[in-house]
Amino acid sequence: MNEYQSDTVFRGKSELLLKEKVLEILQSLPDQFPLDVLVERLILLEKINTGLQQVEEGKIISQEEAKASLKKWQK
């Protein structure tokens, strides 16, 4: 394990694209920007990658199931 690896589960193809996507984000920003803008975009990228991975693994629910769950929470 090198300094950039952790004990978390490897996430597959989406993890391999992360560096490329980070570079795209950096290139889209102006020459000077607040750090929180970069952090927010990186968090968004991670959430999108996680969601796409969940779709690939079939870890999704239908809209009807989501609505039923929401109704239970609203009671």
N, C-alpha and C. Protein backbone atom coordinates (compact mmCIF):
# COMPACT_ATOMS: atom_id res chain seq x y z
N MET A 1 0.85 -1.17 0.00
CA MET A 1 0.00 0.00 0.00
C MET A 1 0.90 1.24 0.00
N ASN A 2 0.66 2.16 -0.96
CA ASN A 2 1.48 3.37 -0.99
C ASN A 2 0.79 4.49 -0.23
N GLU A 3 1.39 5.67 -0.22
CA GLU A 3 0.88 6.79 0.57
C GLU A 3 -0.49 7.30 0.11
N TYR A 4 -0.89 6.98 -1.13
CA TYR A 4 -2.17 7.47 -1.65
C TYR A 4 -3.28 6.46 -1.51
N GLN A 5 -2.96 5.25 -1.13
CA GLN A 5 -3.98 4.23 -0.96
C GLN A 5 -4.47 4.22 0.47
N SER A 6 -5.67 3.75 0.65
CA SER A 6 -6.21 3.62 1.99
C SER A 6 -6.77 2.22 2.14
N ASP A 7 -7.33 1.95 3.29
CA ASP A 7 -7.90 0.63 3.50
C ASP A 7 -9.35 0.56 3.04
N THR A 8 -9.82 1.55 2.32
CA THR A 8 -11.18 1.54 1.80
C THR A 8 -11.26 0.63 0.58
N VAL A 9 -12.47 0.25 0.24
CA VAL A 9 -12.69 -0.64 -0.89
C VAL A 9 -12.43 0.11 -2.19
N PHE A 10 -11.70 -0.52 -3.11
CA PHE A 10 -11.46 0.06 -4.42
C PHE A 10 -12.79 0.15 -5.17
N ARG A 11 -13.03 1.23 -5.83
CA ARG A 11 -14.34 1.47 -6.43
C ARG A 11 -14.42 1.19 -7.92
N GLY A 12 -13.42 0.63 -8.51
CA GLY A 12 -13.50 0.24 -9.91
C GLY A 12 -13.19 1.36 -10.88
N LYS A 13 -13.82 1.32 -12.05
CA LYS A 13 -13.52 2.24 -13.14
C LYS A 13 -13.68 3.70 -12.75
N SER A 14 -14.70 4.01 -11.95
CA SER A 14 -14.92 5.41 -11.59
C SER A 14 -13.72 5.98 -10.83
N GLU A 15 -13.05 5.14 -10.03
CA GLU A 15 -11.87 5.59 -9.29
C GLU A 15 -10.73 5.91 -10.24
N LEU A 16 -10.60 5.15 -11.32
CA LEU A 16 -9.54 5.38 -12.28
C LEU A 16 -9.73 6.70 -13.01
N LEU A 17 -10.95 7.16 -13.17
CA LEU A 17 -11.22 8.40 -13.87
C LEU A 17 -11.14 9.61 -12.97
N LEU A 18 -11.03 9.40 -11.69
CA LEU A 18 -11.07 10.50 -10.74
C LEU A 18 -9.98 11.54 -11.00
N LYS A 19 -8.75 11.12 -11.23
CA LYS A 19 -7.66 12.08 -11.45
C LYS A 19 -7.94 12.92 -12.69
N GLU A 20 -8.41 12.29 -13.74
CA GLU A 20 -8.74 13.01 -14.97
C GLU A 20 -9.85 14.03 -14.72
N LYS A 21 -10.85 13.63 -13.96
CA LYS A 21 -11.96 14.54 -13.66
C LYS A 21 -11.50 15.69 -12.77
N VAL A 22 -10.62 15.42 -11.82
CA VAL A 22 -10.09 16.48 -10.96
C VAL A 22 -9.33 17.49 -11.79
N LEU A 23 -8.56 17.02 -12.73
CA LEU A 23 -7.83 17.94 -13.61
C LEU A 23 -8.79 18.77 -14.45
N GLU A 24 -9.89 18.17 -14.90
CA GLU A 24 -10.89 18.93 -15.65
C GLU A 24 -11.50 20.02 -14.77
N ILE A 25 -11.77 19.69 -13.53
CA ILE A 25 -12.33 20.68 -12.61
C ILE A 25 -11.33 21.82 -12.42
N LEU A 26 -10.07 21.48 -12.16
CA LEU A 26 -9.05 22.51 -11.96
C LEU A 26 -8.92 23.41 -13.18
N GLN A 27 -8.96 22.82 -14.37
CA GLN A 27 -8.82 23.62 -15.58
C GLN A 27 -10.03 24.51 -15.84
N SER A 28 -11.19 24.13 -15.30
CA SER A 28 -12.38 24.94 -15.50
C SER A 28 -12.45 26.13 -14.56
N LEU A 29 -11.63 26.12 -13.51
CA LEU A 29 -11.64 27.21 -12.54
C LEU A 29 -10.77 28.36 -13.01
N PRO A 30 -11.06 29.56 -12.53
CA PRO A 30 -10.19 30.70 -12.87
C PRO A 30 -8.81 30.53 -12.23
N ASP A 31 -7.87 31.39 -12.57
CA ASP A 31 -6.52 31.28 -12.03
C ASP A 31 -6.49 31.42 -10.51
N GLN A 32 -7.40 32.19 -9.96
CA GLN A 32 -7.51 32.33 -8.50
C GLN A 32 -8.93 32.02 -8.10
N PHE A 33 -9.08 31.19 -7.07
CA PHE A 33 -10.41 30.80 -6.61
C PHE A 33 -10.31 30.41 -5.14
N PRO A 34 -11.42 30.50 -4.42
CA PRO A 34 -11.42 30.09 -3.02
C PRO A 34 -11.32 28.56 -2.92
N LEU A 35 -10.62 28.09 -1.92
CA LEU A 35 -10.44 26.65 -1.72
C LEU A 35 -11.77 25.93 -1.57
N ASP A 36 -12.74 26.56 -0.92
CA ASP A 36 -14.03 25.89 -0.71
C ASP A 36 -14.74 25.58 -2.03
N VAL A 37 -14.51 26.36 -3.07
CA VAL A 37 -15.12 26.07 -4.38
C VAL A 37 -14.57 24.76 -4.92
N LEU A 38 -13.27 24.57 -4.82
CA LEU A 38 -12.65 23.33 -5.28
C LEU A 38 -13.15 22.15 -4.44
N VAL A 39 -13.18 22.30 -3.15
CA VAL A 39 -13.63 21.23 -2.27
C VAL A 39 -15.07 20.84 -2.58
N GLU A 40 -15.95 21.83 -2.75
CA GLU A 40 -17.35 21.55 -3.08
C GLU A 40 -17.47 20.78 -4.38
N ARG A 41 -16.69 21.17 -5.38
CA ARG A 41 -16.76 20.47 -6.67
C ARG A 41 -16.21 19.05 -6.56
N LEU A 42 -15.16 18.87 -5.76
CA LEU A 42 -14.63 17.52 -5.56
C LEU A 42 -15.62 16.63 -4.82
N ILE A 43 -16.29 17.18 -3.83
CA ILE A 43 -17.32 16.41 -3.11
C ILE A 43 -18.45 16.04 -4.06
N LEU A 44 -18.88 16.98 -4.89
CA LEU A 44 -19.92 16.69 -5.87
C LEU A 44 -19.48 15.58 -6.82
N LEU A 45 -18.26 15.66 -7.30
CA LEU A 45 -17.73 14.64 -8.19
C LEU A 45 -17.75 13.26 -7.52
N GLU A 46 -17.34 13.19 -6.27
CA GLU A 46 -17.34 11.93 -5.54
C GLU A 46 -18.76 11.39 -5.39
N LYS A 47 -19.71 12.26 -5.08
CA LYS A 47 -21.10 11.82 -4.93
C LYS A 47 -21.65 11.31 -6.26
N ILE A 48 -21.33 11.97 -7.35
CA ILE A 48 -21.77 11.51 -8.67
C ILE A 48 -21.16 10.15 -8.98
N ASN A 49 -19.86 10.00 -8.74
CA ASN A 49 -19.19 8.72 -8.99
C ASN A 49 -19.78 7.60 -8.14
N THR A 50 -20.07 7.90 -6.89
CA THR A 50 -20.68 6.91 -6.01
C THR A 50 -22.05 6.50 -6.55
N GLY A 51 -22.85 7.46 -6.96
CA GLY A 51 -24.17 7.16 -7.52
C GLY A 51 -24.09 6.33 -8.78
N LEU A 52 -23.16 6.66 -9.66
CA LEU A 52 -23.00 5.89 -10.89
C LEU A 52 -22.56 4.46 -10.59
N GLN A 53 -21.69 4.30 -9.61
CA GLN A 53 -21.24 2.97 -9.20
C GLN A 53 -22.41 2.17 -8.64
N GLN A 54 -23.27 2.81 -7.85
CA GLN A 54 -24.43 2.15 -7.29
C GLN A 54 -25.38 1.70 -8.39
N VAL A 55 -25.54 2.51 -9.42
CA VAL A 55 -26.39 2.13 -10.56
C VAL A 55 -25.81 0.91 -11.25
N GLU A 56 -24.50 0.91 -11.49
CA GLU A 56 -23.85 -0.23 -12.13
C GLU A 56 -24.03 -1.51 -11.33
N GLU A 57 -24.07 -1.40 -10.01
CA GLU A 57 -24.20 -2.56 -9.13
C GLU A 57 -25.65 -2.92 -8.88
N GLY A 58 -26.58 -2.17 -9.47
CA GLY A 58 -28.00 -2.46 -9.29
C GLY A 58 -28.55 -2.03 -7.94
N LYS A 59 -27.83 -1.18 -7.25
CA LYS A 59 -28.26 -0.70 -5.93
C LYS A 59 -29.15 0.53 -6.08
N ILE A 60 -30.29 0.33 -6.71
CA ILE A 60 -31.22 1.42 -6.95
C ILE A 60 -32.61 0.99 -6.53
N ILE A 61 -33.48 1.96 -6.33
CA ILE A 61 -34.88 1.67 -6.05
C ILE A 61 -35.73 2.46 -7.04
N SER A 62 -36.94 2.00 -7.24
CA SER A 62 -37.84 2.67 -8.18
C SER A 62 -38.37 3.96 -7.55
N GLN A 63 -38.95 4.79 -8.40
CA GLN A 63 -39.55 6.03 -7.91
C GLN A 63 -40.71 5.72 -6.96
N GLU A 64 -41.45 4.68 -7.27
CA GLU A 64 -42.57 4.29 -6.40
C GLU A 64 -42.08 3.86 -5.02
N GLU A 65 -40.98 3.11 -4.98
CA GLU A 65 -40.41 2.70 -3.69
C GLU A 65 -39.91 3.91 -2.91
N ALA A 66 -39.31 4.85 -3.60
CA ALA A 66 -38.82 6.07 -2.94
C ALA A 66 -40.00 6.86 -2.36
N LYS A 67 -41.08 6.98 -3.13
CA LYS A 67 -42.25 7.70 -2.65
C LYS A 67 -42.86 7.02 -1.43
N ALA A 68 -42.90 5.69 -1.44
CA ALA A 68 -43.45 4.94 -0.31
C ALA A 68 -42.59 5.15 0.94
N SER A 69 -41.29 5.13 0.78
CA SER A 69 -40.38 5.38 1.90
C SER A 69 -40.57 6.78 2.45
N LEU A 70 -40.70 7.75 1.55
CA LEU A 70 -40.89 9.14 1.97
C LEU A 70 -42.18 9.30 2.76
N LYS A 71 -43.24 8.64 2.33
CA LYS A 71 -44.52 8.72 3.04
C LYS A 71 -44.38 8.18 4.47
N LYS A 72 -43.60 7.10 4.63
CA LYS A 72 -43.38 6.55 5.96
C LYS A 72 -42.64 7.54 6.85
N TRP A 73 -41.67 8.25 6.29
CA TRP A 73 -40.89 9.21 7.07
C TRP A 73 -41.73 10.42 7.46
N GLN A 74 -42.70 10.77 6.62
CA GLN A 74 -43.50 11.97 6.87
C GLN A 74 -44.55 11.75 7.96
N LYS A 75 -44.79 10.53 8.36
CA LYS A 75 -45.82 10.26 9.38
C LYS A 75 -45.36 10.63 10.74
